[in-house]
């Protein structure tokens, strides 16, 4: 699990919950830490906070960085909305439950279960 650009409050809530079921790395965006993580960390899921970013510019940039590894990429914002891109299945859709518990459930679900639910 790769957490990108999450503010400290969200990170403090989400990271411990995710560590129970996944290896977690959190990095700021943009920056060299993000660049290294995009190249070296093989994440099954990437969560990106776009609250203070221009989503129309950031979303294609992030997706292009992970297209070769094909994780699930979730874009969240403090407005409560979230968008999920499953790069392996080539599907994009709104995420129905962008809460911390919803993200933890998504991260801890088996790949078979994810495919069935979609």
PDB file of N, CA and C in Angstrom:
ATOM      1  N   UNK A   1       0.846  -1.152   0.000  1.00  0.00           N
ATOM      2  CA  UNK A   1       0.000   0.000   0.000  1.00  0.00           C
ATOM      3  C   UNK A   1       0.902   1.229   0.000  1.00  0.00           C
ATOM      4  N   UNK A   2       0.651   2.137  -0.931  1.00  0.00           N
ATOM      5  CA  UNK A   2       1.400   3.383  -1.009  1.00  0.00           C
ATOM      6  C   UNK A   2       0.434   4.535  -0.755  1.00  0.00           C
ATOM      7  N   UNK A   3       0.755   5.357   0.237  1.00  0.00           N
ATOM      8  CA  UNK A   3      -0.049   6.532   0.568  1.00  0.00           C
ATOM      9  C   UNK A   3       0.706   7.758   0.071  1.00  0.00           C
ATOM     10  N   UNK A   4       0.047   8.551  -0.755  1.00  0.00           N
ATOM     11  CA  UNK A   4       0.708   9.672  -1.423  1.00  0.00           C
ATOM     12  C   UNK A   4       0.052  10.991  -1.037  1.00  0.00           C
ATOM     13  N   UNK A   5       0.844  11.855  -0.405  1.00  0.00           N
ATOM     14  CA  UNK A   5       0.407  13.214  -0.129  1.00  0.00           C
ATOM     15  C   UNK A   5      -0.697  13.355   0.899  1.00  0.00           C
ATOM     16  N   UNK A   6      -0.876  12.383   1.752  1.00  0.00           N
ATOM     17  CA  UNK A   6      -1.923  12.503   2.766  1.00  0.00           C
ATOM     18  C   UNK A   6      -1.496  13.481   3.856  1.00  0.00           C
ATOM     19  N   UNK A   7      -2.414  14.327   4.305  1.00  0.00           N
ATOM     20  CA  UNK A   7      -2.092  15.244   5.399  1.00  0.00           C
ATOM     21  C   UNK A   7      -1.916  14.459   6.704  1.00  0.00           C
ATOM     22  N   UNK A   8      -1.181  15.024   7.667  1.00  0.00           N
ATOM     23  CA  UNK A   8      -0.866  14.289   8.905  1.00  0.00           C
ATOM     24  C   UNK A   8      -2.070  13.688   9.622  1.00  0.00           C
ATOM     25  N   UNK A   9      -3.172  14.404   9.720  1.00  0.00           N
ATOM     26  CA  UNK A   9      -4.344  13.878  10.426  1.00  0.00           C
ATOM     27  C   UNK A   9      -4.885  12.621   9.746  1.00  0.00           C
ATOM     28  N   UNK A  10      -5.025  12.666   8.432  1.00  0.00           N
ATOM     29  CA  UNK A  10      -5.501  11.485   7.689  1.00  0.00           C
ATOM     30  C   UNK A  10      -4.495  10.349   7.773  1.00  0.00           C
ATOM     31  N   UNK A  11      -3.231  10.685   7.647  1.00  0.00           N
ATOM     32  CA  UNK A  11      -2.178   9.680   7.703  1.00  0.00           C
ATOM     33  C   UNK A  11      -2.148   8.988   9.063  1.00  0.00           C
ATOM     34  N   UNK A  12      -2.297   9.763  10.137  1.00  0.00           N
ATOM     35  CA  UNK A  12      -2.294   9.190  11.486  1.00  0.00           C
ATOM     36  C   UNK A  12      -3.472   8.259  11.725  1.00  0.00           C
ATOM     37  N   UNK A  13      -4.569   8.480  11.037  1.00  0.00           N
ATOM     38  CA  UNK A  13      -5.738   7.614  11.186  1.00  0.00           C
ATOM     39  C   UNK A  13      -5.655   6.391  10.277  1.00  0.00           C
ATOM     40  N   UNK A  14      -5.206   6.592   9.054  1.00  0.00           N
ATOM     41  CA  UNK A  14      -5.236   5.525   8.056  1.00  0.00           C
ATOM     42  C   UNK A  14      -4.056   4.562   8.160  1.00  0.00           C
ATOM     43  N   UNK A  15      -2.872   5.074   8.366  1.00  0.00           N
ATOM     44  CA  UNK A  15      -1.676   4.225   8.342  1.00  0.00           C
ATOM     45  C   UNK A  15      -1.703   3.093   9.369  1.00  0.00           C
ATOM     46  N   UNK A  16      -2.008   3.351  10.646  1.00  0.00           N
ATOM     47  CA  UNK A  16      -2.036   2.234  11.609  1.00  0.00           C
ATOM     48  C   UNK A  16      -3.095   1.186  11.268  1.00  0.00           C
ATOM     49  N   UNK A  17      -4.235   1.625  10.773  1.00  0.00           N
ATOM     50  CA  UNK A  17      -5.301   0.677  10.410  1.00  0.00           C
ATOM     51  C   UNK A  17      -4.862  -0.203   9.242  1.00  0.00           C
ATOM     52  N   UNK A  18      -4.142   0.360   8.290  1.00  0.00           N
ATOM     53  CA  UNK A  18      -3.692  -0.405   7.132  1.00  0.00           C
ATOM     54  C   UNK A  18      -2.552  -1.348   7.467  1.00  0.00           C
ATOM     55  N   UNK A  19      -1.701  -0.961   8.408  1.00  0.00           N
ATOM     56  CA  UNK A  19      -0.531  -1.780   8.764  1.00  0.00           C
ATOM     57  C   UNK A  19      -0.935  -3.153   9.303  1.00  0.00           C
ATOM     58  N   UNK A  20      -2.162  -3.287   9.776  1.00  0.00           N
ATOM     59  CA  UNK A  20      -2.615  -4.594  10.269  1.00  0.00           C
ATOM     60  C   UNK A  20      -2.761  -5.608   9.143  1.00  0.00           C
ATOM     61  N   UNK A  21      -2.970  -5.126   7.905  1.00  0.00           N
ATOM     62  CA  UNK A  21      -3.198  -6.067   6.812  1.00  0.00           C
ATOM     63  C   UNK A  21      -2.285  -5.864   5.605  1.00  0.00           C
ATOM     64  N   UNK A  22      -1.408  -4.850   5.645  1.00  0.00           N
ATOM     65  CA  UNK A  22      -0.580  -4.593   4.470  1.00  0.00           C
ATOM     66  C   UNK A  22       0.714  -3.881   4.857  1.00  0.00           C
ATOM     67  N   UNK A  23       1.704  -4.003   3.994  1.00  0.00           N
ATOM     68  CA  UNK A  23       2.915  -3.205   4.122  1.00  0.00           C
ATOM     69  C   UNK A  23       2.572  -1.810   3.610  1.00  0.00           C
ATOM     70  N   UNK A  24       2.912  -0.789   4.380  1.00  0.00           N
ATOM     71  CA  UNK A  24       2.506   0.576   4.047  1.00  0.00           C
ATOM     72  C   UNK A  24       3.725   1.475   3.929  1.00  0.00           C
ATOM     73  N   UNK A  25       3.730   2.292   2.878  1.00  0.00           N
ATOM     74  CA  UNK A  25       4.747   3.319   2.697  1.00  0.00           C
ATOM     75  C   UNK A  25       4.008   4.615   2.420  1.00  0.00           C
ATOM     76  N   UNK A  26       4.373   5.686   3.117  1.00  0.00           N
ATOM     77  CA  UNK A  26       3.749   6.981   2.851  1.00  0.00           C
ATOM     78  C   UNK A  26       4.819   7.957   2.391  1.00  0.00           C
ATOM     79  N   UNK A  27       4.468   8.742   1.368  1.00  0.00           N
ATOM     80  CA  UNK A  27       5.400   9.696   0.782  1.00  0.00           C
ATOM     81  C   UNK A  27       4.667  10.995   0.460  1.00  0.00           C
ATOM     82  N   UNK A  28       5.405  12.121   0.480  1.00  0.00           N
ATOM     83  CA  UNK A  28       4.811  13.380   0.041  1.00  0.00           C
ATOM     84  C   UNK A  28       4.741  13.420  -1.484  1.00  0.00           C
ATOM     85  N   UNK A  29       3.932  14.322  -1.981  1.00  0.00           N
ATOM     86  CA  UNK A  29       3.840  14.521  -3.433  1.00  0.00           C
ATOM     87  C   UNK A  29       3.812  16.006  -3.719  1.00  0.00           C
ATOM     88  N   UNK A  30       4.527  16.485  -4.700  1.00  0.00           N
ATOM     89  CA  UNK A  30       5.544  15.804  -5.490  1.00  0.00           C
ATOM     90  C   UNK A  30       6.857  15.749  -4.730  1.00  0.00           C
ATOM     91  N   UNK A  31       7.830  15.043  -5.275  1.00  0.00           N
ATOM     92  CA  UNK A  31       9.143  14.996  -4.665  1.00  0.00           C
ATOM     93  C   UNK A  31       9.898  13.730  -4.989  1.00  0.00           C
ATOM     94  N   UNK A  32      11.144  13.700  -4.576  1.00  0.00           N
ATOM     95  CA  UNK A  32      12.006  12.555  -4.876  1.00  0.00           C
ATOM     96  C   UNK A  32      11.550  11.292  -4.160  1.00  0.00           C
ATOM     97  N   UNK A  33      10.953  11.429  -2.969  1.00  0.00           N
ATOM     98  CA  UNK A  33      10.437  10.253  -2.249  1.00  0.00           C
ATOM     99  C   UNK A  33       9.328   9.589  -3.050  1.00  0.00           C
ATOM    100  N   UNK A  34       8.449  10.393  -3.626  1.00  0.00           N
ATOM    101  CA  UNK A  34       7.387   9.852  -4.467  1.00  0.00           C
ATOM    102  C   UNK A  34       7.984   9.183  -5.699  1.00  0.00           C
ATOM    103  N   UNK A  35       8.929   9.853  -6.345  1.00  0.00           N
ATOM    104  CA  UNK A  35       9.542   9.292  -7.552  1.00  0.00           C
ATOM    105  C   UNK A  35      10.180   7.938  -7.271  1.00  0.00           C
ATOM    106  N   UNK A  36      10.899   7.825  -6.158  1.00  0.00           N
ATOM    107  CA  UNK A  36      11.524   6.550  -5.787  1.00  0.00           C
ATOM    108  C   UNK A  36      10.472   5.483  -5.507  1.00  0.00           C
ATOM    109  N   UNK A  37       9.439   5.857  -4.769  1.00  0.00           N
ATOM    110  CA  UNK A  37       8.383   4.894  -4.439  1.00  0.00           C
ATOM    111  C   UNK A  37       7.670   4.407  -5.697  1.00  0.00           C
ATOM    112  N   UNK A  38       7.419   5.298  -6.630  1.00  0.00           N
ATOM    113  CA  UNK A  38       6.740   4.919  -7.876  1.00  0.00           C
ATOM    114  C   UNK A  38       7.574   3.918  -8.673  1.00  0.00           C
ATOM    115  N   UNK A  39       8.883   4.028  -8.580  1.00  0.00           N
ATOM    116  CA  UNK A  39       9.765   3.132  -9.315  1.00  0.00           C
ATOM    117  C   UNK A  39      10.079   1.838  -8.572  1.00  0.00           C
ATOM    118  N   UNK A  40      10.200   1.920  -7.240  1.00  0.00           N
ATOM    119  CA  UNK A  40      10.748   0.794  -6.490  1.00  0.00           C
ATOM    120  C   UNK A  40       9.747   0.029  -5.621  1.00  0.00           C
ATOM    121  N   UNK A  41       8.683   0.667  -5.199  1.00  0.00           N
ATOM    122  CA  UNK A  41       7.740   0.033  -4.272  1.00  0.00           C
ATOM    123  C   UNK A  41       6.614  -0.603  -5.086  1.00  0.00           C
ATOM    124  N   UNK A  42       6.465  -1.901  -4.973  1.00  0.00           N
ATOM    125  CA  UNK A  42       5.460  -2.625  -5.755  1.00  0.00           C
ATOM    126  C   UNK A  42       4.142  -2.667  -4.983  1.00  0.00           C
ATOM    127  N   UNK A  43       3.380  -1.600  -5.066  1.00  0.00           N
ATOM    128  CA  UNK A  43       2.126  -1.475  -4.314  1.00  0.00           C
ATOM    129  C   UNK A  43       0.970  -2.109  -5.081  1.00  0.00           C
ATOM    130  N   UNK A  44       0.102  -2.799  -4.338  1.00  0.00           N
ATOM    131  CA  UNK A  44      -1.140  -3.305  -4.916  1.00  0.00           C
ATOM    132  C   UNK A  44      -2.194  -2.209  -4.964  1.00  0.00           C
ATOM    133  N   UNK A  45      -2.047  -1.239  -4.065  1.00  0.00           N
ATOM    134  CA  UNK A  45      -3.010  -0.145  -3.977  1.00  0.00           C
ATOM    135  C   UNK A  45      -2.260   1.142  -3.657  1.00  0.00           C
ATOM    136  N   UNK A  46      -2.665   2.221  -4.318  1.00  0.00           N
ATOM    137  CA  UNK A  46      -2.081   3.542  -4.110  1.00  0.00           C
ATOM    138  C   UNK A  46      -3.221   4.493  -3.761  1.00  0.00           C
ATOM    139  N   UNK A  47      -3.086   5.194  -2.643  1.00  0.00           N
ATOM    140  CA  UNK A  47      -4.087   6.182  -2.241  1.00  0.00           C
ATOM    141  C   UNK A  47      -3.432   7.549  -2.341  1.00  0.00           C
ATOM    142  N   UNK A  48      -4.057   8.446  -3.117  1.00  0.00           N
ATOM    143  CA  UNK A  48      -3.503   9.763  -3.377  1.00  0.00           C
ATOM    144  C   UNK A  48      -4.482  10.826  -2.897  1.00  0.00           C
ATOM    145  N   UNK A  49      -4.013  11.730  -2.044  1.00  0.00           N
ATOM    146  CA  UNK A  49      -4.849  12.843  -1.601  1.00  0.00           C
ATOM    147  C   UNK A  49      -4.681  13.996  -2.589  1.00  0.00           C
ATOM    148  N   UNK A  50      -5.778  14.413  -3.199  1.00  0.00           N
ATOM    149  CA  UNK A  50      -5.749  15.494  -4.186  1.00  0.00           C
ATOM    150  C   UNK A  50      -6.449  16.754  -3.681  1.00  0.00           C
ATOM    151  N   UNK A  51      -6.614  16.853  -2.372  1.00  0.00           N
ATOM    152  CA  UNK A  51      -7.347  17.972  -1.793  1.00  0.00           C
ATOM    153  C   UNK A  51      -6.803  19.320  -2.245  1.00  0.00           C
ATOM    154  N   UNK A  52      -5.493  19.487  -2.207  1.00  0.00           N
ATOM    155  CA  UNK A  52      -4.891  20.781  -2.532  1.00  0.00           C
ATOM    156  C   UNK A  52      -4.185  20.780  -3.874  1.00  0.00           C
ATOM    157  N   UNK A  53      -4.522  19.834  -4.728  1.00  0.00           N
ATOM    158  CA  UNK A  53      -3.873  19.716  -6.027  1.00  0.00           C
ATOM    159  C   UNK A  53      -4.892  19.889  -7.147  1.00  0.00           C
ATOM    160  N   UNK A  54      -4.418  20.241  -8.318  1.00  0.00           N
ATOM    161  CA  UNK A  54      -5.266  20.325  -9.496  1.00  0.00           C
ATOM    162  C   UNK A  54      -5.475  18.905 -10.008  1.00  0.00           C
ATOM    163  N   UNK A  55      -6.604  18.346  -9.664  1.00  0.00           N
ATOM    164  CA  UNK A  55      -6.875  16.938  -9.959  1.00  0.00           C
ATOM    165  C   UNK A  55      -6.785  16.627 -11.453  1.00  0.00           C
ATOM    166  N   UNK A  56      -7.200  17.556 -12.297  1.00  0.00           N
ATOM    167  CA  UNK A  56      -7.163  17.307 -13.741  1.00  0.00           C
ATOM    168  C   UNK A  56      -5.732  17.154 -14.257  1.00  0.00           C
ATOM    169  N   UNK A  57      -4.768  17.698 -13.543  1.00  0.00           N
ATOM    170  CA  UNK A  57      -3.361  17.562 -13.942  1.00  0.00           C
ATOM    171  C   UNK A  57      -2.686  16.399 -13.208  1.00  0.00           C
ATOM    172  N   UNK A  58      -3.043  16.212 -11.943  1.00  0.00           N
ATOM    173  CA  UNK A  58      -2.380  15.213 -11.116  1.00  0.00           C
ATOM    174  C   UNK A  58      -2.832  13.796 -11.465  1.00  0.00           C
ATOM    175  N   UNK A  59      -4.112  13.627 -11.704  1.00  0.00           N
ATOM    176  CA  UNK A  59      -4.623  12.275 -11.948  1.00  0.00           C
ATOM    177  C   UNK A  59      -3.920  11.591 -13.125  1.00  0.00           C
ATOM    178  N   UNK A  60      -3.830  12.223 -14.301  1.00  0.00           N
ATOM    179  CA  UNK A  60      -3.118  11.551 -15.406  1.00  0.00           C
ATOM    180  C   UNK A  60      -1.630  11.312 -15.108  1.00  0.00           C
ATOM    181  N   UNK A  61      -1.008  12.237 -14.403  1.00  0.00           N
ATOM    182  CA  UNK A  61       0.403  12.081 -14.049  1.00  0.00           C
ATOM    183  C   UNK A  61       0.610  10.864 -13.145  1.00  0.00           C
ATOM    184  N   UNK A  62      -0.210  10.752 -12.113  1.00  0.00           N
ATOM    185  CA  UNK A  62      -0.107   9.621 -11.185  1.00  0.00           C
ATOM    186  C   UNK A  62      -0.393   8.312 -11.919  1.00  0.00           C
ATOM    187  N   UNK A  63      -1.464   8.269 -12.675  1.00  0.00           N
ATOM    188  CA  UNK A  63      -1.825   7.035 -13.372  1.00  0.00           C
ATOM    189  C   UNK A  63      -0.728   6.590 -14.333  1.00  0.00           C
ATOM    190  N   UNK A  64      -0.107   7.535 -15.023  1.00  0.00           N
ATOM    191  CA  UNK A  64       0.958   7.161 -15.954  1.00  0.00           C
ATOM    192  C   UNK A  64       2.177   6.596 -15.227  1.00  0.00           C
ATOM    193  N   UNK A  65       2.412   7.033 -13.993  1.00  0.00           N
ATOM    194  CA  UNK A  65       3.552   6.528 -13.228  1.00  0.00           C
ATOM    195  C   UNK A  65       3.354   5.077 -12.775  1.00  0.00           C
ATOM    196  N   UNK A  66       2.105   4.648 -12.675  1.00  0.00           N
ATOM    197  CA  UNK A  66       1.836   3.303 -12.158  1.00  0.00           C
ATOM    198  C   UNK A  66       1.258   2.350 -13.197  1.00  0.00           C
ATOM    199  N   UNK A  67       1.127   2.774 -14.415  1.00  0.00           N
ATOM    200  CA  UNK A  67       0.490   1.949 -15.440  1.00  0.00           C
ATOM    201  C   UNK A  67       1.237   0.633 -15.658  1.00  0.00           C
ATOM    202  N   UNK A  68       2.541   0.601 -15.467  1.00  0.00           N
ATOM    203  CA  UNK A  68       3.307  -0.633 -15.676  1.00  0.00           C
ATOM    204  C   UNK A  68       3.128  -1.630 -14.539  1.00  0.00           C
ATOM    205  N   UNK A  69       2.777  -1.175 -13.338  1.00  0.00           N
ATOM    206  CA  UNK A  69       2.603  -2.088 -12.189  1.00  0.00           C
ATOM    207  C   UNK A  69       1.138  -2.494 -11.987  1.00  0.00           C
ATOM    208  N   UNK A  70       0.227  -1.703 -12.524  1.00  0.00           N
ATOM    209  CA  UNK A  70      -1.209  -1.981 -12.521  1.00  0.00           C
ATOM    210  C   UNK A  70      -1.855  -2.158 -11.137  1.00  0.00           C
ATOM    211  N   UNK A  71      -1.606  -1.236 -10.205  1.00  0.00           N
ATOM    212  CA  UNK A  71      -2.300  -1.313  -8.921  1.00  0.00           C
ATOM    213  C   UNK A  71      -3.703  -0.715  -9.033  1.00  0.00           C
ATOM    214  N   UNK A  72      -4.413  -0.780  -7.942  1.00  0.00           N
ATOM    215  CA  UNK A  72      -5.647  -0.011  -7.792  1.00  0.00           C
ATOM    216  C   UNK A  72      -5.202   1.358  -7.269  1.00  0.00           C
ATOM    217  N   UNK A  73      -5.631   2.432  -7.928  1.00  0.00           N
ATOM    218  CA  UNK A  73      -5.270   3.781  -7.506  1.00  0.00           C
ATOM    219  C   UNK A  73      -6.541   4.501  -7.072  1.00  0.00           C
ATOM    220  N   UNK A  74      -6.522   5.025  -5.863  1.00  0.00           N
ATOM    221  CA  UNK A  74      -7.682   5.730  -5.319  1.00  0.00           C
ATOM    222  C   UNK A  74      -7.296   7.182  -5.068  1.00  0.00           C
ATOM    223  N   UNK A  75      -8.071   8.095  -5.632  1.00  0.00           N
ATOM    224  CA  UNK A  75      -7.877   9.527  -5.403  1.00  0.00           C
ATOM    225  C   UNK A  75      -8.923   9.989  -4.395  1.00  0.00           C
ATOM    226  N   UNK A  76      -8.473  10.573  -3.294  1.00  0.00           N
ATOM    227  CA  UNK A  76      -9.373  11.052  -2.247  1.00  0.00           C
ATOM    228  C   UNK A  76      -9.174  12.547  -2.053  1.00  0.00           C
ATOM    229  N   UNK A  77     -10.196  13.192  -1.493  1.00  0.00           N
ATOM    230  CA  UNK A  77     -10.083  14.606  -1.136  1.00  0.00           C
ATOM    231  C   UNK A  77     -10.866  14.847   0.150  1.00  0.00           C
ATOM    232  N   UNK A  78     -10.576  15.972   0.789  1.00  0.00           N
ATOM    233  CA  UNK A  78     -11.252  16.243   2.056  1.00  0.00           C
ATOM    234  C   UNK A  78     -12.728  16.545   1.871  1.00  0.00           C
ATOM    235  N   UNK A  79     -13.187  16.703   0.645  1.00  0.00           N
ATOM    236  CA  UNK A  79     -14.602  16.882   0.366  1.00  0.00           C
ATOM    237  C   UNK A  79     -15.400  15.596   0.521  1.00  0.00           C
ATOM    238  N   UNK A  80     -14.699  14.477   0.720  1.00  0.00           N
ATOM    239  CA  UNK A  80     -15.380  13.210   0.964  1.00  0.00           C
ATOM    240  C   UNK A  80     -15.513  12.324  -0.246  1.00  0.00           C
ATOM    241  N   UNK A  81     -15.330  12.868  -1.435  1.00  0.00           N
ATOM    242  CA  UNK A  81     -15.449  12.042  -2.628  1.00  0.00           C
ATOM    243  C   UNK A  81     -14.166  11.297  -2.906  1.00  0.00           C
ATOM    244  N   UNK A  82     -14.277  10.201  -3.640  1.00  0.00           N
ATOM    245  CA  UNK A  82     -13.100   9.433  -4.026  1.00  0.00           C
ATOM    246  C   UNK A  82     -13.373   8.752  -5.362  1.00  0.00           C
ATOM    247  N   UNK A  83     -12.297   8.533  -6.102  1.00  0.00           N
ATOM    248  CA  UNK A  83     -12.398   7.893  -7.403  1.00  0.00           C
ATOM    249  C   UNK A  83     -11.399   6.752  -7.452  1.00  0.00           C
ATOM    250  N   UNK A  84     -11.843   5.596  -7.928  1.00  0.00           N
ATOM    251  CA  UNK A  84     -11.018   4.403  -7.985  1.00  0.00           C
ATOM    252  C   UNK A  84     -10.684   4.071  -9.432  1.00  0.00           C
ATOM    253  N   UNK A  85      -9.409   3.807  -9.687  1.00  0.00           N
ATOM    254  CA  UNK A  85      -8.937   3.336 -10.995  1.00  0.00           C
ATOM    255  C   UNK A  85      -8.287   1.981 -10.771  1.00  0.00           C
ATOM    256  N   UNK A  86      -8.850   0.941 -11.346  1.00  0.00           N
ATOM    257  CA  UNK A  86      -8.245  -0.381 -11.298  1.00  0.00           C
ATOM    258  C   UNK A  86      -7.471  -0.535 -12.602  1.00  0.00           C
ATOM    259  N   UNK A  87      -6.169  -0.321 -12.550  1.00  0.00           N
ATOM    260  CA  UNK A  87      -5.364  -0.316 -13.766  1.00  0.00           C
ATOM    261  C   UNK A  87      -5.252  -1.695 -14.395  1.00  0.00           C
ATOM    262  N   UNK A  88      -5.300  -2.756 -13.600  1.00  0.00           N
ATOM    263  CA  UNK A  88      -5.238  -4.113 -14.145  1.00  0.00           C
ATOM    264  C   UNK A  88      -6.510  -4.458 -14.916  1.00  0.00           C
ATOM    265  N   UNK A  89      -7.653  -4.078 -14.375  1.00  0.00           N
ATOM    266  CA  UNK A  89      -8.936  -4.373 -15.020  1.00  0.00           C
ATOM    267  C   UNK A  89      -9.359  -3.290 -16.005  1.00  0.00           C
ATOM    268  N   UNK A  90      -8.577  -2.195 -16.042  1.00  0.00           N
ATOM    269  CA  UNK A  90      -8.881  -1.049 -16.911  1.00  0.00           C
ATOM    270  C   UNK A  90     -10.289  -0.515 -16.657  1.00  0.00           C
ATOM    271  N   UNK A  91     -10.590  -0.319 -15.366  1.00  0.00           N
ATOM    272  CA  UNK A  91     -11.892   0.225 -14.958  1.00  0.00           C
ATOM    273  C   UNK A  91     -11.690   1.439 -14.068  1.00  0.00           C
ATOM    274  N   UNK A  92     -12.632   2.358 -14.173  1.00  0.00           N
ATOM    275  CA  UNK A  92     -12.626   3.567 -13.359  1.00  0.00           C
ATOM    276  C   UNK A  92     -14.031   3.801 -12.854  1.00  0.00           C
ATOM    277  N   UNK A  93     -14.143   4.158 -11.578  1.00  0.00           N
ATOM    278  CA  UNK A  93     -15.480   4.381 -11.025  1.00  0.00           C
ATOM    279  C   UNK A  93     -15.375   5.159  -9.722  1.00  0.00           C
ATOM    280  N   UNK A  94     -16.465   5.811  -9.320  1.00  0.00           N
ATOM    281  CA  UNK A  94     -16.463   6.452  -8.000  1.00  0.00           C
ATOM    282  C   UNK A  94     -16.353   5.379  -6.915  1.00  0.00           C
ATOM    283  N   UNK A  95     -15.669   5.705  -5.841  1.00  0.00           N
ATOM    284  CA  UNK A  95     -15.556   4.780  -4.718  1.00  0.00           C
ATOM    285  C   UNK A  95     -16.706   5.068  -3.770  1.00  0.00           C
ATOM    286  N   UNK A  96     -17.512   4.065  -3.509  1.00  0.00           N
ATOM    287  CA  UNK A  96     -18.722   4.280  -2.715  1.00  0.00           C
ATOM    288  C   UNK A  96     -18.439   4.593  -1.252  1.00  0.00           C
ATOM    289  N   UNK A  97     -17.347   4.053  -0.701  1.00  0.00           N
ATOM    290  CA  UNK A  97     -17.047   4.302   0.707  1.00  0.00           C
ATOM    291  C   UNK A  97     -15.591   4.764   0.861  1.00  0.00           C
ATOM    292  N   UNK A  98     -15.347   6.077   0.781  1.00  0.00           N
ATOM    293  CA  UNK A  98     -13.980   6.582   0.895  1.00  0.00           C
ATOM    294  C   UNK A  98     -13.523   6.808   2.340  1.00  0.00           C
ATOM    295  N   UNK A  99     -14.280   6.303   3.301  1.00  0.00           N
ATOM    296  CA  UNK A  99     -13.897   6.455   4.705  1.00  0.00           C
ATOM    297  C   UNK A  99     -12.653   5.623   4.998  1.00  0.00           C
ATOM    298  N   UNK A 100     -12.072   5.838   6.152  1.00  0.00           N
ATOM    299  CA  UNK A 100     -10.904   5.051   6.548  1.00  0.00           C
ATOM    300  C   UNK A 100     -11.251   3.572   6.589  1.00  0.00           C
ATOM    301  N   UNK A 101     -12.391   3.237   7.168  1.00  0.00           N
ATOM    302  CA  UNK A 101     -12.781   1.823   7.222  1.00  0.00           C
ATOM    303  C   UNK A 101     -13.032   1.266   5.819  1.00  0.00           C
ATOM    304  N   UNK A 102     -13.563   2.075   4.919  1.00  0.00           N
ATOM    305  CA  UNK A 102     -13.779   1.640   3.540  1.00  0.00           C
ATOM    306  C   UNK A 102     -12.471   1.382   2.813  1.00  0.00           C
ATOM    307  N   UNK A 103     -11.480   2.253   3.021  1.00  0.00           N
ATOM    308  CA  UNK A 103     -10.171   2.061   2.398  1.00  0.00           C
ATOM    309  C   UNK A 103      -9.455   0.842   2.969  1.00  0.00           C
ATOM    310  N   UNK A 104      -9.582   0.641   4.268  1.00  0.00           N
ATOM    311  CA  UNK A 104      -8.978  -0.538   4.901  1.00  0.00           C
ATOM    312  C   UNK A 104      -9.629  -1.809   4.361  1.00  0.00           C
ATOM    313  N   UNK A 105     -10.941  -1.804   4.235  1.00  0.00           N
ATOM    314  CA  UNK A 105     -11.645  -2.976   3.693  1.00  0.00           C
ATOM    315  C   UNK A 105     -11.215  -3.245   2.253  1.00  0.00           C
ATOM    316  N   UNK A 106     -11.071  -2.204   1.465  1.00  0.00           N
ATOM    317  CA  UNK A 106     -10.627  -2.362   0.083  1.00  0.00           C
ATOM    318  C   UNK A 106      -9.211  -2.922   0.034  1.00  0.00           C
ATOM    319  N   UNK A 107      -8.337  -2.430   0.881  1.00  0.00           N
ATOM    320  CA  UNK A 107      -6.944  -2.878   0.902  1.00  0.00           C
ATOM    321  C   UNK A 107      -6.797  -4.301   1.411  1.00  0.00           C
ATOM    322  N   UNK A 108      -7.645  -4.708   2.315  1.00  0.00           N
ATOM    323  CA  UNK A 108      -7.489  -6.038   2.914  1.00  0.00           C
ATOM    324  C   UNK A 108      -8.288  -7.117   2.198  1.00  0.00           C
ATOM    325  N   UNK A 109      -9.087  -6.750   1.215  1.00  0.00           N
ATOM    326  CA  UNK A 109      -9.863  -7.741   0.465  1.00  0.00           C
ATOM    327  C   UNK A 109      -8.939  -8.516  -0.460  1.00  0.00           C
ATOM    328  N   UNK A 110      -9.278  -9.749  -0.710  1.00  0.00           N
ATOM    329  CA  UNK A 110      -8.474 -10.551  -1.633  1.00  0.00           C
ATOM    330  C   UNK A 110      -8.725 -10.057  -3.060  1.00  0.00           C
ATOM    331  N   UNK A 111      -7.773 -10.269  -3.975  1.00  0.00           N
ATOM    332  CA  UNK A 111      -7.975  -9.881  -5.369  1.00  0.00           C
ATOM    333  C   UNK A 111      -9.204 -10.538  -5.988  1.00  0.00           C
ATOM    334  N   UNK A 112      -9.499 -11.786  -5.634  1.00  0.00           N
ATOM    335  CA  UNK A 112     -10.669 -12.463  -6.159  1.00  0.00           C
ATOM    336  C   UNK A 112     -11.934 -11.766  -5.716  1.00  0.00           C
ATOM    337  N   UNK A 113     -11.988 -11.396  -4.442  1.00  0.00           N
ATOM    338  CA  UNK A 113     -13.174 -10.714  -3.923  1.00  0.00           C
ATOM    339  C   UNK A 113     -13.359  -9.355  -4.597  1.00  0.00           C
ATOM    340  N   UNK A 114     -12.281  -8.626  -4.829  1.00  0.00           N
ATOM    341  CA  UNK A 114     -12.383  -7.328  -5.482  1.00  0.00           C
ATOM    342  C   UNK A 114     -12.959  -7.484  -6.879  1.00  0.00           C
ATOM    343  N   UNK A 115     -12.510  -8.483  -7.619  1.00  0.00           N
ATOM    344  CA  UNK A 115     -12.981  -8.687  -8.968  1.00  0.00           C
ATOM    345  C   UNK A 115     -14.468  -9.022  -8.973  1.00  0.00           C
ATOM    346  N   UNK A 116     -14.921  -9.794  -8.003  1.00  0.00           N
ATOM    347  CA  UNK A 116     -16.318 -10.175  -7.921  1.00  0.00           C
ATOM    348  C   UNK A 116     -17.190  -8.977  -7.548  1.00  0.00           C
ATOM    349  N   UNK A 117     -16.737  -8.146  -6.642  1.00  0.00           N
ATOM    350  CA  UNK A 117     -17.530  -7.010  -6.184  1.00  0.00           C
ATOM    351  C   UNK A 117     -17.709  -5.963  -7.278  1.00  0.00           C
ATOM    352  N   UNK A 118     -16.771  -5.860  -8.162  1.00  0.00           N
ATOM    353  CA  UNK A 118     -16.863  -4.844  -9.211  1.00  0.00           C
ATOM    354  C   UNK A 118     -17.728  -5.355 -10.298  1.00  0.00           C
TER     355      UNK A 118
END
